[in-house]
Amino acid sequence: RTLLSTFLEGQKLYTSLEESDLNSSNPAYQKDVKTAIDLLSQVLRFIEHQKFFSSNETVEDVKTSDLKYLLVYFYLARLEVKLTDGLDNRMKHLVHADELSFKFLTLCDQLELLSKEDKIAFEREDPADPSLHRIELISRLKRQKVVAAKIKEINRRTEKTRKAHENEDNDEDDDERELTLSLLQAAIIDSFQDKINSEKELSMLKDVMRHGGPTHLPPAPPRESFPDYHIPAQAPSLAPAPKSRRQELREKVFNPSWIQPTYTVEQGFDLDVMSGKVKLDNHEPEVKKKTQEELEDDEDRHWEDEKALRDARVWDAFKDDNPAGWGNRKG
């Protein structure tokens, strides 16, 4: 199974779930949700490992064949909230979906896919006031209709072109890119509304928990008693300012989804040696002892070398005193 086939299978399953008439609690529906999550999670791990999307790229730098995989974050966020495995896990699913949506919108922002209106809404820390929220909602509904019509038209045009050139090599790259960009715009619009819905549901769940509903948050640990030391009023705070949830999510956008190594290769090797997985040979190589004959041969060779050296020096002195051809001159 290739990356593309896994993505297309997950995408097809997601689309069928969106159009399904089955109740979300139906066992068959839930089975398809979990299958789609498994397929698209495989794709997510691969694209993050291969770093398909970089913080220094715009949408123009991303290949058409890679661009569609950005939708994986959106699909997984929507599938996560479809899981109905009890109220105890509901908050966990909503929080995970919110993280995926935030990562999707952050990547879209860095790739310059967000409109000016969306960018303002995405960077807003506090919820919009009711009047502004209504204006933004109406604007998104209008854009949603336009994008939906465009997607329908591209699909119709692509199908018509494919049938007309069924036996020919037809370059569909432009249509594919236009379709992917339109799907991303539709996903961006839906993500903003999904975020609002998730925040409302999370608020309701927390309220239920506070009032001792079907489930409850873990109790806070008991406060320890410390001596009542006097702290100067002007004492500077050494603790760093707490980060907002938005800051924490933004810092994790380009982090992979798997656990990273916590020690270096050298440290891992040392740990393997300590645990006995790797055994080192600490014995020094044995020095071969020479026999008496070998020692005598070495001594003879030593004296022979000294004799040869003396003879060479005598010959050099003779040549210096008797240059070549000097005895042939007439006196």
Protein backbone atom coordinates (compact mmCIF):
# COMPACT_ATOMS: atom_id res chain seq x y z
CA ARG A 1 0.00 0.00 0.00
CA THR A 2 1.42 3.36 -1.08
CA LEU A 3 1.11 6.71 0.67
CA LEU A 4 -1.27 7.98 -2.01
CA SER A 5 -3.54 4.91 -1.89
CA THR A 6 -3.69 5.10 1.93
CA PHE A 7 -4.59 8.79 1.78
CA LEU A 8 -7.24 8.30 -0.92
CA GLU A 9 -8.80 5.41 0.98
CA GLY A 10 -8.94 7.49 4.17
CA GLN A 11 -10.29 10.50 2.27
CA LYS A 12 -13.00 8.40 0.61
CA LEU A 13 -14.03 6.95 3.97
CA TYR A 14 -14.13 10.43 5.55
CA THR A 15 -16.34 11.72 2.72
CA SER A 16 -18.73 8.79 3.05
CA LEU A 17 -19.01 9.42 6.81
CA GLU A 18 -19.80 13.10 6.19
CA GLU A 19 -22.60 12.11 3.79
CA SER A 20 -23.84 9.10 5.80
CA ASP A 21 -27.40 8.96 7.15
CA LEU A 22 -26.36 6.64 9.99
CA ASN A 23 -26.46 7.86 13.56
CA SER A 24 -22.98 8.65 14.88
CA SER A 25 -23.45 6.10 17.69
CA ASN A 26 -24.15 3.30 15.20
CA PRO A 27 -21.49 0.54 15.59
CA ALA A 28 -20.89 0.38 11.81
CA TYR A 29 -20.44 4.15 11.71
CA GLN A 30 -17.98 4.08 14.61
CA LYS A 31 -16.05 1.25 12.99
CA ASP A 32 -15.59 3.33 9.82
CA VAL A 33 -14.53 6.35 11.91
CA LYS A 34 -11.79 4.33 13.62
CA THR A 35 -10.66 2.81 10.31
CA ALA A 36 -10.42 6.26 8.71
CA ILE A 37 -8.46 7.60 11.71
CA ASP A 38 -6.04 4.67 11.48
CA LEU A 39 -5.45 5.20 7.74
CA LEU A 40 -4.99 8.96 7.94
CA SER A 41 -2.80 8.69 11.06
CA GLN A 42 -0.40 6.54 9.04
CA VAL A 43 -0.26 9.29 6.40
CA LEU A 44 0.25 11.95 9.10
CA ARG A 45 3.22 10.13 10.62
CA PHE A 46 4.86 9.80 7.21
CA ILE A 47 4.40 13.42 6.05
CA GLU A 48 5.67 14.75 9.39
CA HIS A 49 8.67 12.42 9.32
CA GLN A 50 9.48 13.48 5.76
CA LYS A 51 8.79 17.17 6.55
CA PHE A 52 6.42 17.78 3.64
CA PHE A 53 5.64 21.29 4.92
CA SER A 54 8.30 23.70 6.12
CA SER A 55 8.00 26.96 8.04
CA ASN A 56 9.94 28.88 5.35
CA GLU A 57 7.71 27.86 2.41
CA THR A 58 4.66 29.39 0.80
CA VAL A 59 1.97 27.51 -1.09
CA GLU A 60 3.80 28.24 -4.36
CA ASP A 61 6.79 26.24 -3.14
CA VAL A 62 4.76 23.09 -2.38
CA LYS A 63 4.35 20.51 -5.13
CA THR A 64 0.81 19.75 -6.26
CA SER A 65 1.31 16.08 -5.41
CA ASP A 66 2.18 17.02 -1.80
CA LEU A 67 -0.31 19.83 -1.21
CA LYS A 68 -3.34 17.56 -0.74
CA TYR A 69 -1.74 15.89 2.30
CA LEU A 70 -2.28 19.12 4.26
CA LEU A 71 -5.95 18.06 4.43
CA VAL A 72 -4.98 15.16 6.70
CA TYR A 73 -4.92 17.47 9.75
CA PHE A 74 -8.43 18.72 8.98
CA TYR A 75 -9.83 15.24 8.32
CA LEU A 76 -8.38 13.84 11.54
CA ALA A 77 -9.70 16.77 13.59
CA ARG A 78 -13.21 16.17 12.26
CA LEU A 79 -13.01 12.40 12.71
CA GLU A 80 -11.82 12.79 16.29
CA VAL A 81 -15.03 14.54 17.38
CA LYS A 82 -17.12 11.80 15.72
CA LEU A 83 -15.88 9.23 18.25
CA THR A 84 -18.56 8.33 20.80
CA ASP A 85 -16.76 6.09 23.28
CA GLY A 86 -18.20 7.62 26.43
CA LEU A 87 -18.26 10.95 28.18
CA ASP A 88 -15.05 10.09 30.03
CA ASN A 89 -13.11 10.29 26.75
CA ARG A 90 -15.12 13.10 25.16
CA MET A 91 -12.99 15.90 26.53
CA LYS A 92 -9.81 14.15 25.41
CA HIS A 93 -11.18 13.86 21.85
CA LEU A 94 -12.25 17.50 21.78
CA VAL A 95 -8.85 18.71 23.00
CA HIS A 96 -7.02 16.53 20.44
CA ALA A 97 -9.30 17.76 17.65
CA ASP A 98 -8.63 21.36 18.72
CA GLU A 99 -4.86 20.74 18.55
CA LEU A 100 -5.15 19.26 15.04
CA SER A 101 -7.32 22.16 13.85
CA PHE A 102 -4.86 24.67 15.27
CA LYS A 103 -1.96 22.91 13.54
CA PHE A 104 -3.90 22.87 10.26
CA LEU A 105 -4.71 26.58 10.44
CA THR A 106 -1.15 27.45 11.50
CA LEU A 107 0.29 25.62 8.50
CA CYS A 108 -2.25 27.29 6.21
CA ASP A 109 -1.27 30.66 7.68
CA GLN A 110 2.45 30.01 7.09
CA LEU A 111 1.75 28.83 3.54
CA GLU A 112 -0.22 32.07 3.00
CA LEU A 113 -3.52 30.30 2.40
CA LEU A 114 -5.53 32.33 4.92
CA SER A 115 -7.48 35.33 3.71
CA LYS A 116 -7.03 38.67 5.48
CA GLU A 117 -10.32 38.11 7.32
CA ASP A 118 -9.29 34.60 8.41
CA LYS A 119 -5.86 35.75 9.52
CA ILE A 120 -7.36 38.42 11.79
CA ALA A 121 -9.75 35.89 13.30
CA PHE A 122 -6.99 33.30 13.77
CA GLU A 123 -4.66 35.72 15.55
CA ARG A 124 -7.41 36.98 17.86
CA GLU A 125 -6.77 35.78 21.42
CA ASP A 126 -10.24 36.39 22.88
CA PRO A 127 -13.61 35.32 21.41
CA ALA A 128 -15.26 37.82 19.10
CA ASP A 129 -18.16 39.86 20.48
CA PRO A 130 -21.64 38.72 19.32
CA SER A 131 -22.02 41.34 16.59
CA LEU A 132 -18.58 40.62 15.08
CA HIS A 133 -19.18 36.88 15.39
CA ARG A 134 -22.42 37.23 13.41
CA ILE A 135 -20.71 39.26 10.68
CA GLU A 136 -17.90 36.68 10.36
CA LEU A 137 -20.37 33.77 10.34
CA ILE A 138 -22.42 35.30 7.50
CA SER A 139 -19.25 36.04 5.54
CA ARG A 140 -18.03 32.45 5.91
CA LEU A 141 -21.38 31.01 4.87
CA LYS A 142 -21.26 33.09 1.66
CA ARG A 143 -17.69 32.00 0.96
CA GLN A 144 -18.62 28.41 1.70
CA LYS A 145 -21.33 28.45 -1.00
CA VAL A 146 -18.92 29.94 -3.53
CA VAL A 147 -16.18 27.39 -2.76
CA ALA A 148 -18.65 24.46 -2.84
CA ALA A 149 -19.88 25.55 -6.27
CA LYS A 150 -16.28 25.87 -7.49
CA ILE A 151 -15.40 22.36 -6.27
CA LYS A 152 -18.46 20.97 -8.01
CA GLU A 153 -17.53 22.74 -11.26
CA ILE A 154 -13.90 21.51 -11.14
CA ASN A 155 -15.04 17.93 -10.56
CA ARG A 156 -17.49 18.18 -13.46
CA ARG A 157 -14.84 19.67 -15.74
CA THR A 158 -12.23 17.10 -14.72
CA GLU A 159 -14.61 14.20 -15.33
CA LYS A 160 -15.59 15.59 -18.73
CA THR A 161 -11.94 16.04 -19.74
CA ARG A 162 -11.05 12.56 -18.54
CA LYS A 163 -13.81 10.96 -20.64
CA ALA A 164 -12.89 13.00 -23.72
CA HIS A 165 -9.22 12.00 -23.46
CA GLU A 166 -9.63 8.56 -21.94
CA ASN A 167 -7.04 6.98 -24.19
CA GLU A 168 -4.64 9.93 -24.23
CA ASP A 169 -2.01 11.20 -21.84
CA ASN A 170 -3.68 14.28 -20.39
CA ASP A 171 -1.95 16.69 -18.05
CA GLU A 172 -4.40 17.21 -15.17
CA ASP A 173 -1.94 18.91 -12.84
CA ASP A 174 -3.58 22.33 -13.12
CA ASP A 175 -7.06 20.96 -12.39
CA GLU A 176 -5.72 18.89 -9.49
CA ARG A 177 -4.00 21.90 -7.94
CA GLU A 178 -7.08 24.10 -8.36
CA LEU A 179 -9.25 21.40 -6.78
CA THR A 180 -6.85 20.91 -3.86
CA LEU A 181 -6.66 24.66 -3.17
CA SER A 182 -10.48 24.85 -3.22
CA LEU A 183 -10.76 21.89 -0.83
CA LEU A 184 -8.27 23.60 1.48
CA GLN A 185 -10.32 26.82 1.41
CA ALA A 186 -13.45 24.85 2.30
CA ALA A 187 -11.55 23.12 5.12
CA ILE A 188 -10.30 26.48 6.47
CA ILE A 189 -13.86 27.84 6.61
CA ASP A 190 -15.13 24.71 8.36
CA SER A 191 -12.20 24.70 10.82
CA PHE A 192 -13.14 28.10 12.22
CA GLN A 193 -16.71 26.97 12.86
CA ASP A 194 -15.53 23.63 14.27
CA LYS A 195 -13.29 25.53 16.69
CA ILE A 196 -16.23 27.58 17.97
CA ASN A 197 -18.38 24.46 18.38
CA SER A 198 -15.61 22.58 20.22
CA GLU A 199 -15.04 25.48 22.62
CA LYS A 200 -18.75 25.59 23.45
CA GLU A 201 -18.89 21.84 24.07
CA LEU A 202 -15.73 21.89 26.17
CA SER A 203 -17.19 24.67 28.29
CA MET A 204 -20.37 22.65 28.82
CA LEU A 205 -18.42 19.52 29.74
CA LYS A 206 -16.33 21.38 32.28
CA ASP A 207 -19.48 22.81 33.79
CA VAL A 208 -20.98 19.32 34.06
CA MET A 209 -17.82 18.07 35.76
CA ARG A 210 -17.78 20.95 38.22
CA HIS A 211 -21.32 20.06 39.27
CA GLY A 212 -20.54 16.36 39.81
CA GLY A 213 -22.01 15.04 36.59
CA PRO A 214 -21.40 11.58 35.04
CA THR A 215 -17.69 12.22 35.17
CA HIS A 216 -15.40 14.59 36.98
CA LEU A 217 -11.99 16.14 36.70
CA PRO A 218 -9.22 14.64 38.84
CA PRO A 219 -9.20 16.34 42.24
CA ALA A 220 -6.49 18.91 42.80
CA PRO A 221 -3.62 17.68 45.02
CA PRO A 222 -3.87 18.86 48.65
CA ARG A 223 -2.01 22.07 49.37
CA GLU A 224 1.02 21.65 51.60
CA SER A 225 1.39 23.79 54.71
CA PHE A 226 4.43 26.03 54.65
CA PRO A 227 5.66 28.37 57.41
CA ASP A 228 4.25 31.86 57.03
CA TYR A 229 7.48 33.52 55.95
CA HIS A 230 7.41 37.24 55.30
CA ILE A 231 7.83 38.05 51.59
CA PRO A 232 8.79 41.62 50.70
CA ALA A 233 6.11 43.42 48.70
CA GLN A 234 8.62 44.42 46.01
CA ALA A 235 10.27 40.99 45.72
CA PRO A 236 10.77 40.21 42.02
CA SER A 237 9.16 37.05 40.63
CA LEU A 238 11.68 34.50 39.36
CA ALA A 239 9.07 32.24 37.76
CA PRO A 240 8.58 32.67 33.99
CA ALA A 241 5.26 34.00 32.80
CA PRO A 242 2.84 31.14 32.07
CA LYS A 243 2.28 30.38 28.40
CA SER A 244 -1.17 30.52 26.90
CA ARG A 245 -2.60 27.41 25.24
CA ARG A 246 -2.25 29.13 21.85
CA GLN A 247 1.48 29.67 22.45
CA GLU A 248 1.96 26.04 23.48
CA LEU A 249 0.14 24.76 20.40
CA ARG A 250 2.05 27.10 18.08
CA GLU A 251 5.39 25.85 19.44
CA LYS A 252 4.37 22.25 18.70
CA VAL A 253 3.24 22.81 15.10
CA PHE A 254 6.41 21.48 13.49
CA ASN A 255 7.10 18.89 16.19
CA PRO A 256 6.68 15.29 15.01
CA SER A 257 3.89 13.17 16.43
CA TRP A 258 6.24 10.49 17.79
CA ILE A 259 8.51 10.50 20.84
CA GLN A 260 11.99 11.78 20.07
CA PRO A 261 15.27 10.18 21.31
CA THR A 262 16.22 11.38 24.78
CA TYR A 263 19.95 10.64 24.55
CA THR A 264 22.74 10.69 21.99
CA VAL A 265 24.15 7.69 20.12
CA GLU A 266 27.25 7.76 22.35
CA GLN A 267 25.13 7.82 25.51
CA GLY A 268 23.04 4.96 24.16
CA PHE A 269 26.19 2.94 23.50
CA ASP A 270 27.41 3.57 27.05
CA LEU A 271 24.03 2.43 28.41
CA ASP A 272 24.19 -0.75 26.31
CA VAL A 273 27.67 -1.47 27.69
CA MET A 274 26.49 -0.90 31.26
CA SER A 275 23.43 -3.14 30.77
CA GLY A 276 25.53 -5.90 29.25
CA LYS A 277 23.96 -5.75 25.77
CA VAL A 278 27.38 -4.91 24.33
CA LYS A 279 30.51 -6.61 25.63
CA LEU A 280 33.90 -5.02 25.13
CA ASP A 281 37.12 -7.04 24.78
CA ASN A 282 39.40 -5.36 27.33
CA HIS A 283 42.21 -7.94 27.09
CA GLU A 284 45.46 -6.66 25.61
CA PRO A 285 46.81 -8.71 22.73
CA GLU A 286 49.44 -11.18 23.83
CA VAL A 287 52.99 -10.31 22.79
CA LYS A 288 54.62 -13.24 21.09
CA LYS A 289 57.82 -14.19 22.80
CA LYS A 290 60.79 -14.70 20.52
CA THR A 291 62.71 -17.96 20.56
CA GLN A 292 66.44 -18.16 21.28
CA GLU A 293 67.17 -18.72 17.59
CA GLU A 294 65.21 -15.60 16.65
CA LEU A 295 67.12 -13.58 19.25
CA GLU A 296 70.47 -14.86 17.92
CA ASP A 297 69.38 -14.06 14.35
CA ASP A 298 68.49 -10.52 15.45
CA GLU A 299 71.92 -10.14 17.11
CA ASP A 300 73.77 -11.42 14.02
CA ARG A 301 71.72 -9.10 11.84
CA HIS A 302 72.66 -6.23 14.16
CA TRP A 303 76.38 -6.88 13.80
CA GLU A 304 76.05 -7.41 10.05
CA ASP A 305 74.29 -4.07 9.79
CA GLU A 306 77.12 -2.33 11.74
CA LYS A 307 79.82 -3.95 9.54
CA ALA A 308 77.98 -2.88 6.39
CA LEU A 309 77.73 0.63 7.77
CA ARG A 310 81.49 0.82 8.49
CA ASP A 311 82.36 -0.48 4.99
CA ALA A 312 80.06 2.12 3.43
CA ARG A 313 81.71 4.92 5.36
CA VAL A 314 85.23 3.76 4.34
CA TRP A 315 84.17 3.62 0.70
CA ASP A 316 82.64 7.13 0.89
CA ALA A 317 85.90 8.49 2.38
CA PHE A 318 87.94 6.82 -0.40
CA LYS A 319 85.73 8.35 -3.10
CA ASP A 320 86.15 11.79 -1.54
CA ASP A 321 89.94 11.46 -1.55
CA ASN A 322 90.09 9.88 -5.00
CA PRO A 323 87.66 11.62 -7.43
CA ALA A 324 86.66 9.60 -10.47
CA GLY A 325 89.20 9.78 -13.33
CA TRP A 326 91.96 11.61 -11.46
CA GLY A 327 94.53 8.80 -12.07
CA ASN A 328 94.18 9.17 -15.87
CA ARG A 329 95.73 12.62 -16.01
CA LYS A 330 99.27 13.01 -17.30
CA GLY A 331 101.71 14.53 -14.82
